[in-house]
Amino acid sequence: MKTLLEKGFLAGIGLLSMTREKAQQIIEDLSHEGEVQKSEIKTWVDQLADRGEEEQQALRKLIRDEMKKVMDDMGLATKEDIQKLMEKQG
């Protein structure tokens, strides 16, 4: 179960831009301030970096899906459509 501190921290840091190095620095800063125990640093960094990567992948998929919908709605040819036409001609 996530602590209140962890929930607030995760919400406030913008996981989409979270890199492992940035997560390491933030967690080390919190450790120096006594907010995080040194033994928890690696676990937190790994969790934050993994979550950031998951969020980036989800956003990329969402963008690709939306772009495909727009292209379909506009009736634009895809790479595959053009390739099929070229194969028919060739």
N, C-alpha and C. Protein backbone atom coordinates (compact mmCIF):
# COMPACT_ATOMS: atom_id res chain seq x y z
N MET A 1 0.84 -1.18 0.00
CA MET A 1 0.00 0.00 0.00
C MET A 1 0.89 1.24 0.00
N LYS A 2 0.56 2.18 -0.85
CA LYS A 2 1.36 3.40 -0.97
C LYS A 2 1.06 4.33 0.20
N THR A 3 2.12 4.94 0.70
CA THR A 3 1.95 5.90 1.77
C THR A 3 1.45 7.21 1.18
N LEU A 4 0.92 8.08 2.01
CA LEU A 4 0.45 9.38 1.58
C LEU A 4 1.59 10.18 0.95
N LEU A 5 2.76 10.12 1.55
CA LEU A 5 3.93 10.82 1.01
C LEU A 5 4.25 10.32 -0.39
N GLU A 6 4.25 9.01 -0.57
CA GLU A 6 4.57 8.43 -1.87
C GLU A 6 3.53 8.83 -2.91
N LYS A 7 2.26 8.78 -2.57
CA LYS A 7 1.20 9.15 -3.51
C LYS A 7 1.35 10.61 -3.94
N GLY A 8 1.58 11.47 -2.99
CA GLY A 8 1.76 12.88 -3.31
C GLY A 8 3.00 13.12 -4.14
N PHE A 9 4.04 12.42 -3.79
CA PHE A 9 5.30 12.55 -4.53
C PHE A 9 5.12 12.11 -5.97
N LEU A 10 4.50 10.95 -6.18
CA LEU A 10 4.30 10.44 -7.52
C LEU A 10 3.42 11.37 -8.35
N ALA A 11 2.41 11.92 -7.73
CA ALA A 11 1.51 12.83 -8.45
C ALA A 11 2.21 14.12 -8.81
N GLY A 12 3.13 14.56 -7.98
CA GLY A 12 3.74 15.86 -8.17
C GLY A 12 4.96 15.92 -9.07
N ILE A 13 5.53 14.80 -9.43
CA ILE A 13 6.80 14.87 -10.16
C ILE A 13 6.67 14.77 -11.66
N GLY A 14 5.51 14.46 -12.17
CA GLY A 14 5.37 14.36 -13.61
C GLY A 14 6.07 13.14 -14.16
N LEU A 15 5.46 11.99 -14.01
CA LEU A 15 6.10 10.73 -14.36
C LEU A 15 6.49 10.63 -15.83
N LEU A 16 5.83 11.37 -16.70
CA LEU A 16 6.16 11.26 -18.11
C LEU A 16 7.57 11.70 -18.41
N SER A 17 8.09 12.61 -17.61
CA SER A 17 9.44 13.10 -17.88
C SER A 17 10.47 12.48 -16.95
N MET A 18 10.08 11.45 -16.23
CA MET A 18 10.97 10.85 -15.24
C MET A 18 12.02 9.95 -15.90
N THR A 19 13.27 10.31 -15.67
CA THR A 19 14.37 9.45 -16.09
C THR A 19 14.96 8.82 -14.84
N ARG A 20 15.72 7.78 -15.03
CA ARG A 20 16.32 7.10 -13.88
C ARG A 20 17.23 8.06 -13.12
N GLU A 21 17.99 8.88 -13.85
CA GLU A 21 18.90 9.82 -13.20
C GLU A 21 18.14 10.88 -12.40
N LYS A 22 17.06 11.37 -12.98
CA LYS A 22 16.25 12.38 -12.30
C LYS A 22 15.61 11.77 -11.04
N ALA A 23 15.10 10.55 -11.18
CA ALA A 23 14.51 9.87 -10.02
C ALA A 23 15.54 9.68 -8.93
N GLN A 24 16.75 9.27 -9.32
CA GLN A 24 17.83 9.07 -8.35
C GLN A 24 18.11 10.36 -7.58
N GLN A 25 18.19 11.47 -8.31
CA GLN A 25 18.50 12.75 -7.66
C GLN A 25 17.38 13.17 -6.71
N ILE A 26 16.13 13.03 -7.13
CA ILE A 26 15.00 13.42 -6.28
C ILE A 26 14.98 12.59 -5.01
N ILE A 27 15.15 11.29 -5.16
CA ILE A 27 15.11 10.40 -3.99
C ILE A 27 16.29 10.67 -3.07
N GLU A 28 17.46 10.93 -3.64
CA GLU A 28 18.61 11.26 -2.79
C GLU A 28 18.38 12.56 -2.04
N ASP A 29 17.77 13.54 -2.68
CA ASP A 29 17.44 14.80 -2.00
C ASP A 29 16.48 14.55 -0.84
N LEU A 30 15.47 13.72 -1.08
CA LEU A 30 14.53 13.39 -0.01
C LEU A 30 15.22 12.64 1.12
N SER A 31 16.18 11.79 0.77
CA SER A 31 16.92 11.05 1.77
C SER A 31 17.72 11.99 2.65
N HIS A 32 18.36 12.98 2.03
CA HIS A 32 19.15 13.95 2.80
C HIS A 32 18.26 14.76 3.74
N GLU A 33 17.01 14.96 3.33
CA GLU A 33 16.06 15.72 4.15
C GLU A 33 15.36 14.83 5.17
N GLY A 34 15.67 13.53 5.14
CA GLY A 34 15.08 12.62 6.11
C GLY A 34 13.71 12.09 5.73
N GLU A 35 13.24 12.36 4.50
CA GLU A 35 11.93 11.91 4.07
C GLU A 35 11.94 10.43 3.65
N VAL A 36 13.08 9.96 3.18
CA VAL A 36 13.20 8.60 2.69
C VAL A 36 14.42 7.96 3.35
N GLN A 37 14.26 6.74 3.79
CA GLN A 37 15.38 6.01 4.38
C GLN A 37 16.35 5.59 3.28
N LYS A 38 17.64 5.60 3.58
CA LYS A 38 18.65 5.22 2.59
C LYS A 38 18.40 3.82 2.03
N SER A 39 17.89 2.93 2.85
CA SER A 39 17.64 1.56 2.39
C SER A 39 16.51 1.50 1.36
N GLU A 40 15.69 2.54 1.28
CA GLU A 40 14.56 2.57 0.34
C GLU A 40 14.91 3.22 -0.99
N ILE A 41 16.07 3.86 -1.09
CA ILE A 41 16.40 4.66 -2.27
C ILE A 41 16.34 3.84 -3.55
N LYS A 42 17.03 2.71 -3.62
CA LYS A 42 17.07 1.93 -4.86
C LYS A 42 15.67 1.48 -5.25
N THR A 43 14.88 1.03 -4.30
CA THR A 43 13.52 0.57 -4.59
C THR A 43 12.69 1.71 -5.17
N TRP A 44 12.76 2.88 -4.57
CA TRP A 44 11.99 4.04 -5.05
C TRP A 44 12.45 4.46 -6.44
N VAL A 45 13.75 4.52 -6.64
CA VAL A 45 14.28 4.93 -7.95
C VAL A 45 13.81 3.95 -9.02
N ASP A 46 13.92 2.66 -8.74
CA ASP A 46 13.48 1.66 -9.71
C ASP A 46 11.99 1.79 -10.01
N GLN A 47 11.19 1.98 -8.96
CA GLN A 47 9.74 2.11 -9.15
C GLN A 47 9.40 3.35 -9.96
N LEU A 48 10.03 4.46 -9.64
CA LEU A 48 9.75 5.70 -10.36
C LEU A 48 10.19 5.63 -11.82
N ALA A 49 11.35 5.10 -12.06
CA ALA A 49 11.86 4.99 -13.43
C ALA A 49 10.99 4.04 -14.25
N ASP A 50 10.62 2.91 -13.65
CA ASP A 50 9.75 1.95 -14.35
C ASP A 50 8.40 2.58 -14.66
N ARG A 51 7.85 3.26 -13.70
CA ARG A 51 6.54 3.90 -13.89
C ARG A 51 6.63 4.98 -14.97
N GLY A 52 7.70 5.74 -14.98
CA GLY A 52 7.89 6.76 -16.00
C GLY A 52 7.96 6.15 -17.39
N GLU A 53 8.68 5.05 -17.52
CA GLU A 53 8.78 4.36 -18.81
C GLU A 53 7.42 3.82 -19.25
N GLU A 54 6.66 3.26 -18.31
CA GLU A 54 5.32 2.75 -18.63
C GLU A 54 4.41 3.87 -19.11
N GLU A 55 4.47 5.01 -18.43
CA GLU A 55 3.64 6.14 -18.80
C GLU A 55 4.02 6.68 -20.18
N GLN A 56 5.31 6.71 -20.49
CA GLN A 56 5.75 7.16 -21.80
C GLN A 56 5.27 6.23 -22.90
N GLN A 57 5.35 4.93 -22.66
CA GLN A 57 4.88 3.95 -23.65
C GLN A 57 3.38 4.06 -23.85
N ALA A 58 2.65 4.25 -22.78
CA ALA A 58 1.19 4.39 -22.89
C ALA A 58 0.83 5.64 -23.68
N LEU A 59 1.55 6.73 -23.44
CA LEU A 59 1.29 7.97 -24.17
C LEU A 59 1.61 7.80 -25.66
N ARG A 60 2.73 7.15 -25.96
CA ARG A 60 3.09 6.90 -27.36
C ARG A 60 2.00 6.08 -28.06
N LYS A 61 1.50 5.05 -27.40
CA LYS A 61 0.45 4.21 -27.99
C LYS A 61 -0.81 5.02 -28.21
N LEU A 62 -1.18 5.83 -27.25
CA LEU A 62 -2.36 6.67 -27.39
C LEU A 62 -2.23 7.61 -28.58
N ILE A 63 -1.07 8.23 -28.72
CA ILE A 63 -0.84 9.15 -29.83
C ILE A 63 -0.92 8.40 -31.17
N ARG A 64 -0.27 7.23 -31.25
CA ARG A 64 -0.32 6.44 -32.49
C ARG A 64 -1.75 6.06 -32.84
N ASP A 65 -2.51 5.60 -31.86
CA ASP A 65 -3.90 5.21 -32.09
C ASP A 65 -4.74 6.39 -32.57
N GLU A 66 -4.56 7.54 -31.94
CA GLU A 66 -5.32 8.73 -32.34
C GLU A 66 -4.93 9.20 -33.73
N MET A 67 -3.64 9.14 -34.04
CA MET A 67 -3.19 9.54 -35.37
C MET A 67 -3.77 8.61 -36.44
N LYS A 68 -3.82 7.32 -36.14
CA LYS A 68 -4.40 6.37 -37.08
C LYS A 68 -5.87 6.68 -37.30
N LYS A 69 -6.60 7.00 -36.25
CA LYS A 69 -8.02 7.34 -36.38
C LYS A 69 -8.19 8.58 -37.26
N VAL A 70 -7.36 9.59 -37.04
CA VAL A 70 -7.44 10.81 -37.84
C VAL A 70 -7.15 10.51 -39.30
N MET A 71 -6.11 9.72 -39.54
CA MET A 71 -5.77 9.37 -40.92
C MET A 71 -6.90 8.59 -41.58
N ASP A 72 -7.49 7.66 -40.84
CA ASP A 72 -8.61 6.88 -41.38
C ASP A 72 -9.80 7.79 -41.68
N ASP A 73 -10.10 8.70 -40.76
CA ASP A 73 -11.22 9.63 -40.95
C ASP A 73 -11.00 10.53 -42.17
N MET A 74 -9.75 10.89 -42.41
CA MET A 74 -9.43 11.77 -43.53
C MET A 74 -9.28 11.01 -44.84
N GLY A 75 -9.24 9.69 -44.75
CA GLY A 75 -9.10 8.87 -45.95
C GLY A 75 -7.69 8.87 -46.51
N LEU A 76 -6.70 9.15 -45.68
CA LEU A 76 -5.31 9.18 -46.13
C LEU A 76 -4.76 7.77 -46.28
N ALA A 77 -3.92 7.58 -47.27
CA ALA A 77 -3.29 6.28 -47.51
C ALA A 77 -2.20 6.05 -46.47
N THR A 78 -2.11 4.81 -46.04
CA THR A 78 -1.05 4.42 -45.11
C THR A 78 0.13 3.90 -45.91
N LYS A 79 1.22 3.67 -45.24
CA LYS A 79 2.40 3.07 -45.87
C LYS A 79 2.05 1.73 -46.50
N GLU A 80 1.25 0.95 -45.76
CA GLU A 80 0.85 -0.37 -46.26
C GLU A 80 -0.01 -0.24 -47.51
N ASP A 81 -0.93 0.73 -47.55
CA ASP A 81 -1.76 0.95 -48.72
C ASP A 81 -0.90 1.26 -49.94
N ILE A 82 0.05 2.13 -49.78
CA ILE A 82 0.93 2.52 -50.88
C ILE A 82 1.78 1.33 -51.33
N GLN A 83 2.29 0.56 -50.37
CA GLN A 83 3.09 -0.63 -50.70
C GLN A 83 2.27 -1.63 -51.50
N LYS A 84 1.02 -1.85 -51.13
CA LYS A 84 0.15 -2.79 -51.85
C LYS A 84 -0.07 -2.30 -53.28
N LEU A 85 -0.29 -1.01 -53.46
CA LEU A 85 -0.49 -0.47 -54.79
C LEU A 85 0.76 -0.65 -55.65
N MET A 86 1.92 -0.41 -55.05
CA MET A 86 3.18 -0.57 -55.78
C MET A 86 3.39 -2.03 -56.19
N GLU A 87 3.02 -2.95 -55.32
CA GLU A 87 3.17 -4.38 -55.62
C GLU A 87 2.24 -4.78 -56.75
N LYS A 88 1.03 -4.22 -56.80
CA LYS A 88 0.07 -4.53 -57.87
C LYS A 88 0.60 -4.04 -59.21
N GLN A 89 1.25 -2.88 -59.21
CA GLN A 89 1.76 -2.30 -60.45
C GLN A 89 3.02 -3.00 -60.93
N GLY A 90 3.82 -3.46 -60.00
CA GLY A 90 5.13 -3.99 -60.32
C GLY A 90 5.13 -5.40 -60.69
